[in-house]
Amino acid sequence: MFVALLRLDLRLPDASSLKDKRSVVKGLVADLRRLNCSVAEVDHQDLRQRATLAVATVAEEGFHARKVLLSAEREVERNPAIELLSRQVTIYGPEDD
């Protein structure tokens, strides 16, 4: 079993209020959840143009876990309202016991 985590640091340059930000983040979270992963906003909740999302997935093989995270990253990059500032991938597998 592999657990894969993706941390996405985002900038939302067009968000002029927290309401604008929430609208964009809520739509992105819904899109990412369609990829069979869990998503949560984990930082910068009070900043209108910044967001940090955590994406998590569990798979039998490390390859499949990485594939889900790559799909999630591509989904973020496709959104014109979002600038991806950084990403961090962490994978835990059987050898991590």
PDB file of N, CA and C in Angstrom:
ATOM      1  N   MET A   1       0.849  -1.180   0.000  1.00  0.00           N
ATOM      2  CA  MET A   1       0.000   0.000   0.000  1.00  0.00           C
ATOM      3  C   MET A   1       0.893   1.241   0.000  1.00  0.00           C
ATOM      4  N   PHE A   2       0.525   2.222  -0.803  1.00  0.00           N
ATOM      5  CA  PHE A   2       1.242   3.486  -0.884  1.00  0.00           C
ATOM      6  C   PHE A   2       0.285   4.635  -0.592  1.00  0.00           C
ATOM      7  N   VAL A   3       0.752   5.581   0.192  1.00  0.00           N
ATOM      8  CA  VAL A   3       0.015   6.804   0.475  1.00  0.00           C
ATOM      9  C   VAL A   3       0.818   7.940  -0.142  1.00  0.00           C
ATOM     10  N   ALA A   4       0.173   8.712  -0.980  1.00  0.00           N
ATOM     11  CA  ALA A   4       0.863   9.803  -1.675  1.00  0.00           C
ATOM     12  C   ALA A   4       0.210  11.133  -1.308  1.00  0.00           C
ATOM     13  N   LEU A   5       1.056  12.105  -1.011  1.00  0.00           N
ATOM     14  CA  LEU A   5       0.597  13.442  -0.628  1.00  0.00           C
ATOM     15  C   LEU A   5       1.189  14.474  -1.577  1.00  0.00           C
ATOM     16  N   LEU A   6       0.366  15.424  -1.959  1.00  0.00           N
ATOM     17  CA  LEU A   6       0.783  16.517  -2.825  1.00  0.00           C
ATOM     18  C   LEU A   6       0.387  17.818  -2.155  1.00  0.00           C
ATOM     19  N   ARG A   7       1.372  18.676  -1.938  1.00  0.00           N
ATOM     20  CA  ARG A   7       1.109  20.001  -1.360  1.00  0.00           C
ATOM     21  C   ARG A   7       1.279  21.023  -2.476  1.00  0.00           C
ATOM     22  N   LEU A   8       0.224  21.797  -2.716  1.00  0.00           N
ATOM     23  CA  LEU A   8       0.203  22.791  -3.794  1.00  0.00           C
ATOM     24  C   LEU A   8       0.096  24.194  -3.203  1.00  0.00           C
ATOM     25  N   ASP A   9       1.077  25.019  -3.480  1.00  0.00           N
ATOM     26  CA  ASP A   9       1.044  26.410  -3.044  1.00  0.00           C
ATOM     27  C   ASP A   9       0.560  27.228  -4.235  1.00  0.00           C
ATOM     28  N   LEU A  10      -0.569  27.898  -4.072  1.00  0.00           N
ATOM     29  CA  LEU A  10      -1.241  28.554  -5.195  1.00  0.00           C
ATOM     30  C   LEU A  10      -1.355  30.056  -4.993  1.00  0.00           C
ATOM     31  N   ARG A  11      -1.394  30.759  -6.114  1.00  0.00           N
ATOM     32  CA  ARG A  11      -1.685  32.191  -6.124  1.00  0.00           C
ATOM     33  C   ARG A  11      -2.905  32.398  -7.003  1.00  0.00           C
ATOM     34  N   LEU A  12      -3.842  33.212  -6.519  1.00  0.00           N
ATOM     35  CA  LEU A  12      -5.059  33.510  -7.261  1.00  0.00           C
ATOM     36  C   LEU A  12      -5.058  35.007  -7.562  1.00  0.00           C
ATOM     37  N   PRO A  13      -4.391  35.435  -8.620  1.00  0.00           N
ATOM     38  CA  PRO A  13      -4.175  36.858  -8.864  1.00  0.00           C
ATOM     39  C   PRO A  13      -5.447  37.664  -9.110  1.00  0.00           C
ATOM     40  N   ASP A  14      -6.509  37.037  -9.566  1.00  0.00           N
ATOM     41  CA  ASP A  14      -7.740  37.771  -9.881  1.00  0.00           C
ATOM     42  C   ASP A  14      -8.713  37.849  -8.712  1.00  0.00           C
ATOM     43  N   ALA A  15      -8.391  37.221  -7.595  1.00  0.00           N
ATOM     44  CA  ALA A  15      -9.295  37.223  -6.442  1.00  0.00           C
ATOM     45  C   ALA A  15      -9.207  38.577  -5.738  1.00  0.00           C
ATOM     46  N   SER A  16     -10.302  39.317  -5.767  1.00  0.00           N
ATOM     47  CA  SER A  16     -10.319  40.636  -5.123  1.00  0.00           C
ATOM     48  C   SER A  16     -10.934  40.586  -3.729  1.00  0.00           C
ATOM     49  N   SER A  17     -11.428  39.411  -3.338  1.00  0.00           N
ATOM     50  CA  SER A  17     -12.007  39.241  -1.998  1.00  0.00           C
ATOM     51  C   SER A  17     -11.888  37.771  -1.603  1.00  0.00           C
ATOM     52  N   LEU A  18     -12.129  37.506  -0.329  1.00  0.00           N
ATOM     53  CA  LEU A  18     -12.122  36.118   0.124  1.00  0.00           C
ATOM     54  C   LEU A  18     -13.253  35.319  -0.533  1.00  0.00           C
ATOM     55  N   LYS A  19     -14.350  36.005  -0.835  1.00  0.00           N
ATOM     56  CA  LYS A  19     -15.464  35.344  -1.522  1.00  0.00           C
ATOM     57  C   LYS A  19     -15.038  34.882  -2.918  1.00  0.00           C
ATOM     58  N   ASP A  20     -14.290  35.723  -3.641  1.00  0.00           N
ATOM     59  CA  ASP A  20     -13.763  35.324  -4.954  1.00  0.00           C
ATOM     60  C   ASP A  20     -12.840  34.114  -4.820  1.00  0.00           C
ATOM     61  N   LYS A  21     -11.973  34.180  -3.818  1.00  0.00           N
ATOM     62  CA  LYS A  21     -11.030  33.093  -3.592  1.00  0.00           C
ATOM     63  C   LYS A  21     -11.774  31.791  -3.306  1.00  0.00           C
ATOM     64  N   ARG A  22     -12.739  31.843  -2.408  1.00  0.00           N
ATOM     65  CA  ARG A  22     -13.489  30.638  -2.032  1.00  0.00           C
ATOM     66  C   ARG A  22     -14.183  30.017  -3.241  1.00  0.00           C
ATOM     67  N   SER A  23     -14.684  30.857  -4.122  1.00  0.00           N
ATOM     68  CA  SER A  23     -15.350  30.360  -5.322  1.00  0.00           C
ATOM     69  C   SER A  23     -14.380  29.557  -6.190  1.00  0.00           C
ATOM     70  N   VAL A  24     -13.194  30.100  -6.397  1.00  0.00           N
ATOM     71  CA  VAL A  24     -12.191  29.417  -7.223  1.00  0.00           C
ATOM     72  C   VAL A  24     -11.714  28.142  -6.531  1.00  0.00           C
ATOM     73  N   VAL A  25     -11.400  28.233  -5.242  1.00  0.00           N
ATOM     74  CA  VAL A  25     -10.885  27.078  -4.502  1.00  0.00           C
ATOM     75  C   VAL A  25     -11.940  25.982  -4.420  1.00  0.00           C
ATOM     76  N   LYS A  26     -13.177  26.354  -4.177  1.00  0.00           N
ATOM     77  CA  LYS A  26     -14.250  25.362  -4.079  1.00  0.00           C
ATOM     78  C   LYS A  26     -14.415  24.588  -5.393  1.00  0.00           C
ATOM     79  N   GLY A  27     -14.365  25.294  -6.514  1.00  0.00           N
ATOM     80  CA  GLY A  27     -14.457  24.632  -7.812  1.00  0.00           C
ATOM     81  C   GLY A  27     -13.277  23.718  -8.080  1.00  0.00           C
ATOM     82  N   LEU A  28     -12.082  24.178  -7.714  1.00  0.00           N
ATOM     83  CA  LEU A  28     -10.889  23.363  -7.912  1.00  0.00           C
ATOM     84  C   LEU A  28     -10.936  22.108  -7.037  1.00  0.00           C
ATOM     85  N   VAL A  29     -11.338  22.249  -5.798  1.00  0.00           N
ATOM     86  CA  VAL A  29     -11.439  21.098  -4.894  1.00  0.00           C
ATOM     87  C   VAL A  29     -12.427  20.067  -5.463  1.00  0.00           C
ATOM     88  N   ALA A  30     -13.541  20.526  -5.981  1.00  0.00           N
ATOM     89  CA  ALA A  30     -14.523  19.607  -6.578  1.00  0.00           C
ATOM     90  C   ALA A  30     -13.922  18.872  -7.774  1.00  0.00           C
ATOM     91  N   ASP A  31     -13.178  19.595  -8.618  1.00  0.00           N
ATOM     92  CA  ASP A  31     -12.529  18.963  -9.779  1.00  0.00           C
ATOM     93  C   ASP A  31     -11.505  17.917  -9.337  1.00  0.00           C
ATOM     94  N   LEU A  32     -10.722  18.241  -8.328  1.00  0.00           N
ATOM     95  CA  LEU A  32      -9.692  17.316  -7.854  1.00  0.00           C
ATOM     96  C   LEU A  32     -10.299  16.081  -7.204  1.00  0.00           C
ATOM     97  N   ARG A  33     -11.407  16.232  -6.517  1.00  0.00           N
ATOM     98  CA  ARG A  33     -12.038  15.079  -5.866  1.00  0.00           C
ATOM     99  C   ARG A  33     -12.578  14.078  -6.884  1.00  0.00           C
ATOM    100  N   ARG A  34     -12.849  14.529  -8.090  1.00  0.00           N
ATOM    101  CA  ARG A  34     -13.292  13.614  -9.149  1.00  0.00           C
ATOM    102  C   ARG A  34     -12.185  12.652  -9.563  1.00  0.00           C
ATOM    103  N   LEU A  35     -10.950  12.948  -9.158  1.00  0.00           N
ATOM    104  CA  LEU A  35      -9.817  12.079  -9.477  1.00  0.00           C
ATOM    105  C   LEU A  35      -9.611  10.997  -8.412  1.00  0.00           C
ATOM    106  N   ASN A  36     -10.575  10.819  -7.534  1.00  0.00           N
ATOM    107  CA  ASN A  36     -10.509   9.835  -6.443  1.00  0.00           C
ATOM    108  C   ASN A  36      -9.384  10.139  -5.461  1.00  0.00           C
ATOM    109  N   CYS A  37      -9.340  11.372  -5.017  1.00  0.00           N
ATOM    110  CA  CYS A  37      -8.367  11.752  -3.997  1.00  0.00           C
ATOM    111  C   CYS A  37      -9.055  12.662  -2.984  1.00  0.00           C
ATOM    112  N   SER A  38      -8.419  12.798  -1.844  1.00  0.00           N
ATOM    113  CA  SER A  38      -8.923  13.696  -0.808  1.00  0.00           C
ATOM    114  C   SER A  38      -8.204  15.033  -0.954  1.00  0.00           C
ATOM    115  N   VAL A  39      -8.937  16.115  -0.703  1.00  0.00           N
ATOM    116  CA  VAL A  39      -8.377  17.452  -0.870  1.00  0.00           C
ATOM    117  C   VAL A  39      -8.822  18.324   0.299  1.00  0.00           C
ATOM    118  N   ALA A  40      -7.879  19.150   0.785  1.00  0.00           N
ATOM    119  CA  ALA A  40      -8.209  20.098   1.847  1.00  0.00           C
ATOM    120  C   ALA A  40      -7.353  21.346   1.682  1.00  0.00           C
ATOM    121  N   GLU A  41      -7.941  22.501   1.994  1.00  0.00           N
ATOM    122  CA  GLU A  41      -7.156  23.732   2.054  1.00  0.00           C
ATOM    123  C   GLU A  41      -6.472  23.734   3.416  1.00  0.00           C
ATOM    124  N   VAL A  42      -5.140  23.804   3.427  1.00  0.00           N
ATOM    125  CA  VAL A  42      -4.396  23.613   4.671  1.00  0.00           C
ATOM    126  C   VAL A  42      -3.617  24.846   5.135  1.00  0.00           C
ATOM    127  N   ASP A  43      -3.596  25.907   4.343  1.00  0.00           N
ATOM    128  CA  ASP A  43      -2.867  27.103   4.762  1.00  0.00           C
ATOM    129  C   ASP A  43      -3.373  28.303   3.970  1.00  0.00           C
ATOM    130  N   HIS A  44      -3.114  29.477   4.502  1.00  0.00           N
ATOM    131  CA  HIS A  44      -3.453  30.762   3.871  1.00  0.00           C
ATOM    132  C   HIS A  44      -4.959  30.983   3.733  1.00  0.00           C
ATOM    133  N   GLN A  45      -5.754  30.460   4.658  1.00  0.00           N
ATOM    134  CA  GLN A  45      -7.201  30.613   4.564  1.00  0.00           C
ATOM    135  C   GLN A  45      -7.648  32.075   4.639  1.00  0.00           C
ATOM    136  N   ASP A  46      -6.878  32.931   5.284  1.00  0.00           N
ATOM    137  CA  ASP A  46      -7.281  34.326   5.458  1.00  0.00           C
ATOM    138  C   ASP A  46      -6.680  35.277   4.431  1.00  0.00           C
ATOM    139  N   LEU A  47      -5.913  34.753   3.479  1.00  0.00           N
ATOM    140  CA  LEU A  47      -5.327  35.599   2.434  1.00  0.00           C
ATOM    141  C   LEU A  47      -6.134  35.444   1.156  1.00  0.00           C
ATOM    142  N   ARG A  48      -6.499  36.558   0.541  1.00  0.00           N
ATOM    143  CA  ARG A  48      -7.417  36.486  -0.605  1.00  0.00           C
ATOM    144  C   ARG A  48      -6.766  35.986  -1.885  1.00  0.00           C
ATOM    145  N   GLN A  49      -5.446  36.111  -2.027  1.00  0.00           N
ATOM    146  CA  GLN A  49      -4.807  35.684  -3.273  1.00  0.00           C
ATOM    147  C   GLN A  49      -3.863  34.496  -3.100  1.00  0.00           C
ATOM    148  N   ARG A  50      -3.927  33.838  -1.967  1.00  0.00           N
ATOM    149  CA  ARG A  50      -3.064  32.676  -1.731  1.00  0.00           C
ATOM    150  C   ARG A  50      -3.896  31.523  -1.188  1.00  0.00           C
ATOM    151  N   ALA A  51      -3.476  30.317  -1.516  1.00  0.00           N
ATOM    152  CA  ALA A  51      -4.100  29.109  -0.982  1.00  0.00           C
ATOM    153  C   ALA A  51      -3.073  27.990  -1.024  1.00  0.00           C
ATOM    154  N   THR A  52      -3.146  27.124  -0.058  1.00  0.00           N
ATOM    155  CA  THR A  52      -2.330  25.911  -0.076  1.00  0.00           C
ATOM    156  C   THR A  52      -3.273  24.734   0.074  1.00  0.00           C
ATOM    157  N   LEU A  53      -3.202  23.834  -0.893  1.00  0.00           N
ATOM    158  CA  LEU A  53      -4.053  22.645  -0.879  1.00  0.00           C
ATOM    159  C   LEU A  53      -3.211  21.408  -0.632  1.00  0.00           C
ATOM    160  N   ALA A  54      -3.763  20.470   0.094  1.00  0.00           N
ATOM    161  CA  ALA A  54      -3.160  19.150   0.263  1.00  0.00           C
ATOM    162  C   ALA A  54      -4.040  18.149  -0.461  1.00  0.00           C
ATOM    163  N   VAL A  55      -3.411  17.326  -1.268  1.00  0.00           N
ATOM    164  CA  VAL A  55      -4.106  16.286  -2.032  1.00  0.00           C
ATOM    165  C   VAL A  55      -3.516  14.949  -1.585  1.00  0.00           C
ATOM    166  N   ALA A  56      -4.371  13.996  -1.260  1.00  0.00           N
ATOM    167  CA  ALA A  56      -3.896  12.694  -0.778  1.00  0.00           C
ATOM    168  C   ALA A  56      -4.607  11.573  -1.525  1.00  0.00           C
ATOM    169  N   THR A  57      -3.862  10.501  -1.767  1.00  0.00           N
ATOM    170  CA  THR A  57      -4.446   9.328  -2.399  1.00  0.00           C
ATOM    171  C   THR A  57      -3.764   8.081  -1.843  1.00  0.00           C
ATOM    172  N   VAL A  58      -4.456   6.957  -1.939  1.00  0.00           N
ATOM    173  CA  VAL A  58      -3.925   5.670  -1.502  1.00  0.00           C
ATOM    174  C   VAL A  58      -4.048   4.716  -2.680  1.00  0.00           C
ATOM    175  N   ALA A  59      -2.984   3.943  -2.924  1.00  0.00           N
ATOM    176  CA  ALA A  59      -2.993   3.004  -4.044  1.00  0.00           C
ATOM    177  C   ALA A  59      -2.173   1.767  -3.691  1.00  0.00           C
ATOM    178  N   GLU A  60      -2.419   0.713  -4.426  1.00  0.00           N
ATOM    179  CA  GLU A  60      -1.677  -0.530  -4.202  1.00  0.00           C
ATOM    180  C   GLU A  60      -0.240  -0.404  -4.688  1.00  0.00           C
ATOM    181  N   GLU A  61      -0.039   0.335  -5.762  1.00  0.00           N
ATOM    182  CA  GLU A  61       1.293   0.513  -6.348  1.00  0.00           C
ATOM    183  C   GLU A  61       1.686   1.982  -6.313  1.00  0.00           C
ATOM    184  N   GLY A  62       2.960   2.248  -6.090  1.00  0.00           N
ATOM    185  CA  GLY A  62       3.464   3.617  -6.073  1.00  0.00           C
ATOM    186  C   GLY A  62       3.233   4.330  -7.385  1.00  0.00           C
ATOM    187  N   PHE A  63       3.335   3.595  -8.491  1.00  0.00           N
ATOM    188  CA  PHE A  63       3.113   4.174  -9.820  1.00  0.00           C
ATOM    189  C   PHE A  63       1.714   4.773  -9.925  1.00  0.00           C
ATOM    190  N   HIS A  64       0.727   4.062  -9.436  1.00  0.00           N
ATOM    191  CA  HIS A  64      -0.649   4.548  -9.533  1.00  0.00           C
ATOM    192  C   HIS A  64      -0.870   5.772  -8.641  1.00  0.00           C
ATOM    193  N   ALA A  65      -0.264   5.780  -7.484  1.00  0.00           N
ATOM    194  CA  ALA A  65      -0.380   6.934  -6.587  1.00  0.00           C
ATOM    195  C   ALA A  65       0.234   8.169  -7.242  1.00  0.00           C
ATOM    196  N   ARG A  66       1.415   8.008  -7.837  1.00  0.00           N
ATOM    197  CA  ARG A  66       2.065   9.136  -8.535  1.00  0.00           C
ATOM    198  C   ARG A  66       1.223   9.621  -9.713  1.00  0.00           C
ATOM    199  N   LYS A  67       0.596   8.692 -10.412  1.00  0.00           N
ATOM    200  CA  LYS A  67      -0.230   9.044 -11.560  1.00  0.00           C
ATOM    201  C   LYS A  67      -1.418   9.921 -11.144  1.00  0.00           C
ATOM    202  N   VAL A  68      -2.047   9.586 -10.018  1.00  0.00           N
ATOM    203  CA  VAL A  68      -3.166  10.391  -9.518  1.00  0.00           C
ATOM    204  C   VAL A  68      -2.689  11.802  -9.170  1.00  0.00           C
ATOM    205  N   LEU A  69      -1.535  11.896  -8.494  1.00  0.00           N
ATOM    206  CA  LEU A  69      -1.018  13.215  -8.118  1.00  0.00           C
ATOM    207  C   LEU A  69      -0.618  14.031  -9.339  1.00  0.00           C
ATOM    208  N   LEU A  70      -0.067  13.384 -10.343  1.00  0.00           N
ATOM    209  CA  LEU A  70       0.274  14.097 -11.583  1.00  0.00           C
ATOM    210  C   LEU A  70      -0.984  14.617 -12.267  1.00  0.00           C
ATOM    211  N   SER A  71      -2.037  13.820 -12.264  1.00  0.00           N
ATOM    212  CA  SER A  71      -3.313  14.267 -12.829  1.00  0.00           C
ATOM    213  C   SER A  71      -3.858  15.467 -12.056  1.00  0.00           C
ATOM    214  N   ALA A  72      -3.712  15.439 -10.745  1.00  0.00           N
ATOM    215  CA  ALA A  72      -4.177  16.551  -9.913  1.00  0.00           C
ATOM    216  C   ALA A  72      -3.382  17.823 -10.230  1.00  0.00           C
ATOM    217  N   GLU A  73      -2.087  17.683 -10.361  1.00  0.00           N
ATOM    218  CA  GLU A  73      -1.253  18.846 -10.685  1.00  0.00           C
ATOM    219  C   GLU A  73      -1.617  19.419 -12.057  1.00  0.00           C
ATOM    220  N   ARG A  74      -1.857  18.568 -13.010  1.00  0.00           N
ATOM    221  CA  ARG A  74      -2.252  19.028 -14.358  1.00  0.00           C
ATOM    222  C   ARG A  74      -3.602  19.752 -14.321  1.00  0.00           C
ATOM    223  N   GLU A  75      -4.508  19.254 -13.493  1.00  0.00           N
ATOM    224  CA  GLU A  75      -5.817  19.904 -13.351  1.00  0.00           C
ATOM    225  C   GLU A  75      -5.648  21.328 -12.828  1.00  0.00           C
ATOM    226  N   VAL A  76      -4.765  21.514 -11.873  1.00  0.00           N
ATOM    227  CA  VAL A  76      -4.493  22.848 -11.332  1.00  0.00           C
ATOM    228  C   VAL A  76      -3.888  23.742 -12.407  1.00  0.00           C
ATOM    229  N   GLU A  77      -2.934  23.214 -13.153  1.00  0.00           N
ATOM    230  CA  GLU A  77      -2.256  23.998 -14.185  1.00  0.00           C
ATOM    231  C   GLU A  77      -3.197  24.415 -15.312  1.00  0.00           C
ATOM    232  N   ARG A  78      -4.261  23.654 -15.533  1.00  0.00           N
ATOM    233  CA  ARG A  78      -5.232  23.989 -16.591  1.00  0.00           C
ATOM    234  C   ARG A  78      -6.134  25.161 -16.221  1.00  0.00           C
ATOM    235  N   ASN A  79      -6.225  25.457 -14.949  1.00  0.00           N
ATOM    236  CA  ASN A  79      -7.138  26.505 -14.491  1.00  0.00           C
ATOM    237  C   ASN A  79      -6.493  27.874 -14.691  1.00  0.00           C
ATOM    238  N   PRO A  80      -7.072  28.728 -15.550  1.00  0.00           N
ATOM    239  CA  PRO A  80      -6.458  30.026 -15.843  1.00  0.00           C
ATOM    240  C   PRO A  80      -6.506  31.015 -14.677  1.00  0.00           C
ATOM    241  N   ALA A  81      -7.338  30.753 -13.675  1.00  0.00           N
ATOM    242  CA  ALA A  81      -7.459  31.660 -12.534  1.00  0.00           C
ATOM    243  C   ALA A  81      -6.434  31.355 -11.438  1.00  0.00           C
ATOM    244  N   ILE A  82      -5.599  30.329 -11.675  1.00  0.00           N
ATOM    245  CA  ILE A  82      -4.671  29.876 -10.636  1.00  0.00           C
ATOM    246  C   ILE A  82      -3.249  29.835 -11.172  1.00  0.00           C
ATOM    247  N   GLU A  83      -2.326  30.334 -10.357  1.00  0.00           N
ATOM    248  CA  GLU A  83      -0.901  30.243 -10.649  1.00  0.00           C
ATOM    249  C   GLU A  83      -0.288  29.270  -9.642  1.00  0.00           C
ATOM    250  N   LEU A  84       0.346  28.222 -10.131  1.00  0.00           N
ATOM    251  CA  LEU A  84       0.985  27.236  -9.263  1.00  0.00           C
ATOM    252  C   LEU A  84       2.370  27.756  -8.880  1.00  0.00           C
ATOM    253  N   LEU A  85       2.551  28.079  -7.605  1.00  0.00           N
ATOM    254  CA  LEU A  85       3.825  28.619  -7.135  1.00  0.00           C
ATOM    255  C   LEU A  85       4.820  27.511  -6.817  1.00  0.00           C
ATOM    256  N   SER A  86       4.346  26.448  -6.166  1.00  0.00           N
ATOM    257  CA  SER A  86       5.235  25.331  -5.855  1.00  0.00           C
ATOM    258  C   SER A  86       4.417  24.086  -5.577  1.00  0.00           C
ATOM    259  N   ARG A  87       5.093  22.967  -5.647  1.00  0.00           N
ATOM    260  CA  ARG A  87       4.464  21.693  -5.336  1.00  0.00           C
ATOM    261  C   ARG A  87       5.472  20.824  -4.603  1.00  0.00           C
ATOM    262  N   GLN A  88       4.950  19.986  -3.744  1.00  0.00           N
ATOM    263  CA  GLN A  88       5.800  19.068  -3.000  1.00  0.00           C
ATOM    264  C   GLN A  88       5.092  17.719  -2.938  1.00  0.00           C
ATOM    265  N   VAL A  89       5.785  16.669  -3.344  1.00  0.00           N
ATOM    266  CA  VAL A  89       5.222  15.320  -3.344  1.00  0.00           C
ATOM    267  C   VAL A  89       5.934  14.486  -2.284  1.00  0.00           C
ATOM    268  N   THR A  90       5.155  13.767  -1.507  1.00  0.00           N
ATOM    269  CA  THR A  90       5.688  12.831  -0.515  1.00  0.00           C
ATOM    270  C   THR A  90       4.944  11.511  -0.685  1.00  0.00           C
ATOM    271  N   ILE A  91       5.697  10.420  -0.756  1.00  0.00           N
ATOM    272  CA  ILE A  91       5.082   9.110  -0.902  1.00  0.00           C
ATOM    273  C   ILE A  91       5.582   8.196   0.210  1.00  0.00           C
ATOM    274  N   TYR A  92       4.632   7.552   0.872  1.00  0.00           N
ATOM    275  CA  TYR A  92       4.946   6.591   1.922  1.00  0.00           C
ATOM    276  C   TYR A  92       4.575   5.201   1.410  1.00  0.00           C
ATOM    277  N   GLY A  93       5.509   4.274   1.544  1.00  0.00           N
ATOM    278  CA  GLY A  93       5.262   2.915   1.087  1.00  0.00           C
ATOM    279  C   GLY A  93       5.622   1.887   2.145  1.00  0.00           C
ATOM    280  N   PRO A  94       5.581   0.614   1.775  1.00  0.00           N
ATOM    281  CA  PRO A  94       5.844  -0.471   2.733  1.00  0.00           C
ATOM    282  C   PRO A  94       7.223  -0.378   3.383  1.00  0.00           C
ATOM    283  N   GLU A  95       8.197   0.156   2.681  1.00  0.00           N
ATOM    284  CA  GLU A  95       9.549   0.243   3.225  1.00  0.00           C
ATOM    285  C   GLU A  95       9.697   1.346   4.274  1.00  0.00           C
ATOM    286  N   ASP A  96       8.655   2.150   4.466  1.00  0.00           N
ATOM    287  CA  ASP A  96       8.701   3.262   5.428  1.00  0.00           C
ATOM    288  C   ASP A  96       8.273   2.847   6.839  1.00  0.00           C
ATOM    289  N   ASP A  97       8.042   1.580   7.069  1.00  0.00           N
ATOM    290  CA  ASP A  97       7.620   1.118   8.414  1.00  0.00           C
ATOM    291  C   ASP A  97       8.710   1.297   9.437  1.00  0.00           C
TER     292      ASP A  97
END
